[in-house]
Protein backbone atom coordinates (compact mmCIF):
# COMPACT_ATOMS: atom_id res chain seq x y z
CA MET A 1 -0.07 0.00 0.01
CA THR A 2 3.03 2.29 0.22
CA TRP A 3 3.01 3.36 -3.44
CA GLU A 4 -0.83 3.91 -3.41
CA ARG A 5 -0.39 6.45 -0.56
CA PHE A 6 2.54 8.05 -2.27
CA GLY A 7 0.61 8.44 -5.48
CA TYR A 8 -2.35 9.97 -3.72
CA ILE A 9 -0.03 12.48 -1.91
CA CYS A 10 1.53 13.55 -5.25
CA ARG A 11 -1.91 13.95 -6.92
CA LYS A 12 -3.37 15.76 -3.98
CA VAL A 13 -0.49 18.18 -3.50
CA ALA A 14 -0.30 18.89 -7.31
CA ALA A 15 -4.04 19.69 -7.39
CA GLY A 16 -4.68 21.23 -3.99
CA ILE A 17 -1.78 23.35 -3.05
CA ARG A 18 -2.67 26.82 -1.81
CA GLU A 19 -1.14 30.01 -3.36
CA ASP A 20 0.37 31.03 0.08
CA GLU A 21 1.51 27.47 0.91
CA THR A 22 4.93 26.00 0.31
CA VAL A 23 5.14 22.46 -1.28
CA SER A 24 6.81 21.21 1.99
CA ASP A 25 3.82 22.44 4.10
CA CYS A 26 1.23 21.07 1.59
CA ILE A 27 2.91 17.65 1.67
CA GLY A 28 2.83 17.68 5.48
CA ARG A 29 -0.82 18.66 5.50
CA VAL A 30 -1.81 16.12 3.02
CA GLU A 31 0.10 13.35 4.89
CA LYS A 32 -1.81 14.17 8.11
CA SER A 33 -5.21 14.36 6.48
CA GLU A 34 -7.72 11.63 7.35
CA SER A 35 -8.30 10.92 3.58
CA CYS A 36 -4.66 9.97 3.23
CA ALA A 37 -5.30 7.02 5.53
CA TYR A 38 -7.68 5.44 2.86
CA TYR A 39 -4.55 4.77 0.75
CA GLY A 40 -2.58 2.75 3.30
CA ASP A 41 -0.34 3.10 6.25
CA PRO A 42 1.90 6.21 6.83
CA LEU A 43 5.13 6.22 4.78
CA HIS A 44 8.05 4.72 6.69
CA ARG A 45 10.97 7.11 7.12
CA ARG A 46 13.27 4.56 5.61
CA SER A 47 11.26 3.97 2.52
CA LEU A 48 11.99 5.26 -0.98
CA PRO A 49 8.57 7.11 -1.34
CA LYS A 50 9.23 8.99 1.87
CA LYS A 51 12.71 9.92 0.62
CA ILE A 52 11.23 11.20 -2.70
CA LEU A 53 8.70 13.37 -0.92
CA ASP A 54 11.33 14.83 1.35
CA LYS A 55 13.61 15.66 -1.58
CA VAL A 56 10.56 17.33 -3.33
CA ALA A 57 10.04 19.50 -0.30
CA LEU A 58 13.67 20.64 -0.43
CA ILE A 59 13.34 21.91 -3.98
CA ASP A 60 13.52 25.71 -3.72
CA SER A 61 11.35 26.56 -6.76
CA LYS A 62 7.70 25.90 -6.11
CA GLU A 63 7.04 25.50 -9.92
CA ARG A 64 9.87 22.98 -10.20
CA ALA A 65 8.65 21.05 -7.08
CA LEU A 66 5.11 20.77 -8.55
CA ALA A 67 6.53 19.81 -11.98
CA THR A 68 8.31 16.98 -10.28
CA LEU A 69 5.21 15.81 -8.50
CA ASN A 70 3.36 15.87 -11.82
CA ILE A 71 5.91 13.62 -13.30
CA TYR A 72 5.47 11.11 -10.45
CA GLN A 73 1.62 11.26 -10.62
CA GLU A 74 1.55 10.63 -14.36
CA PHE A 75 2.79 7.05 -14.30
CA ASP A 76 1.60 3.97 -12.53
CA LEU A 77 4.05 2.92 -9.76
CA VAL A 78 1.77 0.50 -7.88
CA GLU A 79 1.67 -2.25 -10.52
CA LYS A 80 5.41 -2.12 -11.05
CA PHE A 81 6.30 -2.82 -7.43
CA GLU A 82 4.01 -5.64 -6.42
CA GLU A 83 6.13 -8.58 -5.35
CA PRO A 84 5.26 -11.37 -7.80
CA ILE A 85 3.35 -14.44 -6.56
CA ARG A 86 5.90 -16.71 -8.15
CA PHE A 87 8.70 -15.14 -6.15
CA LYS A 88 6.79 -15.49 -2.90
CA ARG A 89 6.24 -19.18 -3.66
CA VAL A 90 9.97 -19.88 -4.01
CA VAL A 91 10.59 -18.23 -0.61
CA ALA A 92 7.69 -20.19 0.83
CA TYR A 93 9.16 -23.36 -0.58
CA LEU A 94 12.64 -22.70 1.02
CA SER A 95 10.81 -22.13 4.35
CA TYR A 96 8.93 -25.38 3.99
CA VAL A 97 12.01 -27.43 3.17
CA THR A 98 13.83 -25.94 6.08
CA PHE A 99 10.93 -26.85 8.36
CA ILE A 100 10.75 -30.48 6.97
CA PHE A 101 14.47 -30.93 7.45
CA TYR A 102 14.51 -30.00 11.07
CA ILE A 103 11.38 -32.22 11.67
CA VAL A 104 13.17 -35.26 10.16
CA VAL A 105 16.32 -34.57 12.07
CA GLY A 106 14.46 -34.04 15.32
CA ILE A 107 12.42 -37.27 15.04
CA TYR A 108 15.56 -39.25 14.12
CA GLN A 109 17.68 -37.85 16.88
CA VAL A 110 14.94 -38.11 19.61
CA LYS A 111 13.21 -41.28 18.64
CA VAL A 112 15.11 -43.35 16.03
CA ALA A 113 18.73 -43.28 16.94
CA PRO A 114 18.31 -43.83 20.81
CA THR A 115 16.09 -46.95 20.10
CA PHE A 116 18.72 -48.52 17.87
CA LEU A 117 21.49 -47.76 20.33
CA ASN A 118 19.54 -49.30 23.17
CA ALA A 119 18.86 -52.32 21.06
CA PHE A 120 22.52 -52.91 20.30
CA ASN A 121 23.49 -52.36 23.92
CA ASP A 122 20.82 -54.92 25.01
CA PHE A 123 22.21 -57.48 22.49
CA GLU A 124 25.83 -56.43 23.43
CA LEU A 125 26.50 -55.89 19.78
CA SER A 126 28.81 -53.33 18.28
CA VAL A 127 27.17 -50.42 16.57
CA PRO A 128 27.00 -50.54 12.76
CA ARG A 129 29.45 -48.22 10.82
CA HIS A 130 26.61 -46.08 9.39
CA LEU A 131 24.91 -45.54 12.69
CA GLY A 132 28.29 -44.97 14.55
CA TRP A 133 29.39 -42.51 11.93
CA TYR A 134 26.10 -40.66 12.20
CA GLN A 135 26.29 -40.53 16.08
CA ASP A 136 29.77 -39.09 15.77
CA TYR A 137 29.20 -36.36 13.10
CA TRP A 138 25.38 -35.69 13.05
CA GLY A 139 25.95 -32.40 14.81
CA TYR A 140 28.33 -31.14 12.19
CA ILE A 141 26.12 -32.25 9.31
CA VAL A 142 23.12 -30.49 10.82
CA LEU A 143 25.31 -27.42 11.47
CA VAL A 144 26.46 -27.18 7.82
CA VAL A 145 23.02 -27.80 6.49
CA SER A 146 21.51 -25.35 8.69
CA ILE A 147 24.02 -22.69 7.77
CA LEU A 148 23.15 -23.38 4.08
CA LEU A 149 19.47 -23.19 4.79
CA ILE A 150 19.66 -20.07 6.76
CA ALA A 151 21.80 -18.33 4.21
CA SER A 152 19.39 -19.22 1.55
CA LEU A 153 16.48 -17.79 3.50
CA VAL A 154 18.53 -14.56 4.29
CA ILE A 155 19.23 -14.16 0.53
CA GLY A 156 15.60 -14.72 -0.27
CA HIS A 157 14.44 -12.22 2.39
CA ASN A 158 16.85 -9.64 0.97
CA LEU A 159 15.71 -10.33 -2.56
CA ARG A 160 12.12 -9.64 -1.34
CA LYS A 161 13.36 -6.39 -0.03
CA LEU A 162 14.35 -5.27 -3.44
CA PHE A 163 10.69 -5.01 -4.28
CA ARG A 164 9.90 -2.86 -1.27
CA PHE A 165 12.83 -0.59 -2.08
CA ASP A 166 13.90 -0.17 1.56
CA LEU A 167 16.63 2.43 1.73
CA GLY A 168 20.17 1.27 2.46
CA ILE A 169 19.67 -2.32 1.23
CA GLU A 170 22.24 -1.74 -1.46
CA ASN A 171 24.91 -1.14 1.24
CA GLY A 172 24.27 -4.50 2.97
CA PHE A 173 26.58 -7.44 2.93
CA VAL A 174 24.08 -9.75 1.30
CA PHE A 175 23.33 -7.41 -1.47
CA LYS A 176 26.96 -6.60 -2.19
CA TYR A 177 28.35 -10.10 -2.02
CA LEU A 178 25.64 -12.76 -2.20
CA VAL A 179 23.25 -11.29 -4.80
CA PHE A 180 23.97 -11.73 -8.51
CA ARG A 181 25.70 -8.83 -10.26
CA SER A 182 22.95 -8.59 -12.85
CA ILE A 183 20.43 -8.16 -10.02
CA ARG A 184 22.57 -5.30 -8.48
CA THR A 185 22.95 -3.56 -11.88
CA SER A 186 19.17 -3.82 -12.59
CA TYR A 187 18.28 -2.53 -9.08
CA LYS A 188 20.62 0.43 -9.50
CA LYS A 189 19.00 1.31 -12.86
CA VAL A 190 15.47 1.22 -11.33
CA MET A 191 16.69 3.45 -8.45
CA ASP A 192 18.25 5.89 -11.02
CA ILE A 193 14.99 6.06 -12.85
CA LEU A 194 12.89 6.60 -9.84
CA GLN A 195 15.14 9.34 -8.41
CA PHE A 196 15.75 11.11 -11.67
CA PRO A 197 13.21 13.83 -11.09
CA ILE A 198 14.61 14.70 -7.60
CA SER A 199 18.28 14.35 -8.63
CA GLU A 200 18.85 18.11 -8.51
CA ALA A 201 17.77 18.02 -4.80
CA GLY A 202 20.06 15.16 -3.90
CA GLU A 203 23.34 14.97 -2.14
CA PRO A 204 26.54 15.23 -4.29
CA GLU A 205 27.04 11.45 -4.26
CA GLU A 206 23.54 10.97 -5.55
CA ASN A 207 24.16 13.17 -8.52
CA ARG A 208 26.76 11.04 -10.26
CA SER A 209 25.32 10.42 -13.70
CA SER A 210 24.93 6.96 -15.22
CA GLU A 211 24.21 6.26 -18.89
CA LEU A 212 20.57 5.87 -18.00
CA VAL A 213 20.39 9.25 -16.15
CA ASN A 214 22.14 10.89 -19.13
CA HIS A 215 19.47 9.44 -21.47
CA LEU A 216 16.65 10.84 -19.20
CA LYS A 217 18.41 14.23 -19.31
CA GLU A 218 18.33 14.08 -23.04
CA VAL A 219 14.62 13.21 -22.85
CA GLU A 220 14.05 16.07 -20.46
CA ALA A 221 15.84 18.51 -22.75
CA SER A 222 13.72 17.36 -25.76
CA GLU A 223 9.97 17.62 -26.24
CA MET A 224 9.41 14.08 -25.08
CA SER A 225 7.49 13.32 -21.95
CA VAL A 226 9.87 12.36 -19.14
CA ALA A 227 6.98 10.54 -17.33
CA VAL A 228 6.31 8.40 -20.33
CA GLU A 229 9.91 7.41 -20.83
CA MET A 230 10.35 6.75 -17.12
CA GLN A 231 7.34 4.37 -17.27
CA ALA A 232 8.75 2.54 -20.27
CA LEU A 233 12.22 2.18 -18.71
CA LEU A 234 10.74 1.05 -15.35
CA ARG A 235 8.73 -1.60 -17.22
CA VAL A 236 11.88 -2.96 -18.85
CA GLN A 237 14.12 -2.78 -15.77
CA MET A 238 11.51 -4.23 -13.39
CA ARG A 239 10.94 -7.09 -15.66
CA VAL A 240 14.73 -7.64 -15.78
CA LEU A 241 15.00 -7.38 -11.97
CA LEU A 242 12.20 -9.87 -11.58
CA GLU A 243 13.66 -12.33 -14.04
CA LYS A 244 17.21 -12.25 -12.54
CA SER A 245 15.78 -12.54 -9.04
CA GLU A 246 13.78 -15.48 -9.87
CA GLN A 247 16.75 -17.12 -11.59
CA GLN A 248 18.85 -16.81 -8.46
CA MET A 249 16.04 -18.03 -6.16
CA LYS A 250 15.45 -21.05 -8.52
CA LEU A 251 19.16 -21.92 -8.30
CA ILE A 252 19.06 -21.59 -4.57
CA SER A 253 15.95 -23.71 -4.27
CA VAL A 254 17.43 -26.46 -6.41
CA PHE A 255 20.69 -26.46 -4.42
CA VAL A 256 18.91 -26.47 -1.02
CA ALA A 257 16.67 -29.32 -2.23
CA LEU A 258 19.66 -31.38 -3.31
CA VAL A 259 21.47 -30.77 0.06
CA VAL A 260 18.26 -31.58 2.10
CA VAL A 261 17.53 -34.73 0.09
CA THR A 262 21.13 -35.84 0.42
CA ALA A 263 21.07 -35.35 4.23
CA ILE A 264 17.71 -37.09 4.55
CA PHE A 265 19.03 -40.00 2.53
CA PHE A 266 21.95 -40.13 4.95
CA PHE A 267 19.67 -40.25 7.86
CA LEU A 268 17.57 -43.01 6.26
CA ALA A 269 20.69 -45.08 5.35
CA SER A 270 21.95 -44.90 8.92
CA ALA A 271 18.57 -46.03 10.06
CA TYR A 272 17.99 -48.97 7.72
CA SER A 273 21.52 -50.47 8.08
CA PRO A 274 20.89 -51.36 11.77
CA ILE A 275 17.42 -52.66 10.99
CA PHE A 276 18.81 -55.11 8.45
CA PHE A 277 21.60 -55.99 10.91
CA LEU A 278 19.23 -56.69 13.71
CA GLY A 279 16.96 -58.64 11.37
CA GLU A 280 19.81 -60.93 10.43
CA ILE A 281 20.65 -61.59 14.10
CA VAL A 282 17.03 -62.14 15.19
């Protein structure tokens, strides 16, 4: 609902600003109005929409600020930033696999392994190699698999954040080192597009031009509509961002599935070997 509220504020300020009112004051008034609550929860201070409105409020020229708001209100932001159902399913799948893995490990360690060990003690038999090896190293196996599963969930959680555009995510360890370069590049392009209208009100480090920003400057200098071109570019880059994110999540999900299946197979193998061994004795 964040972008719905942002869009309403842009439309309301552009249409309802008073002659004796600054853009900053008008934005504050609209944000506090009861009607704004119909469009979702208040904008979080660490969200991109809030940053955009704060930057618009800093623009000295009232005409320039209103022109900037007009750009944002002319194209649909809501549809572009809805987190895809397919992406949610992959994250849910990883969570489900993690849950199943711990259930299997817990049952085996609490119910299965102690039963076999007691049986071998009762018969005064040596513990089979598979079961003995499991008893010696099961903790390390679970630790390694747990690290892989948790890392996969953390990556998935951070990829989901990309579609919420939380500020500062691009500075995190996961984004810098565990996310594909193509995803980082596409995300940077989307951020450049979204922040282009407010680039003149940004900090010096935010004003470094990319090829995409230079292209939008050329559009702005011509008779073409900046809003139309921004919408077209967003459509392309959001599609790329989604496709690359899904590719990484699919690779992670396949890798996690293989690791978990291998671990479960190992647990089953260590369980069946003593069954056959005891069966031969009995």
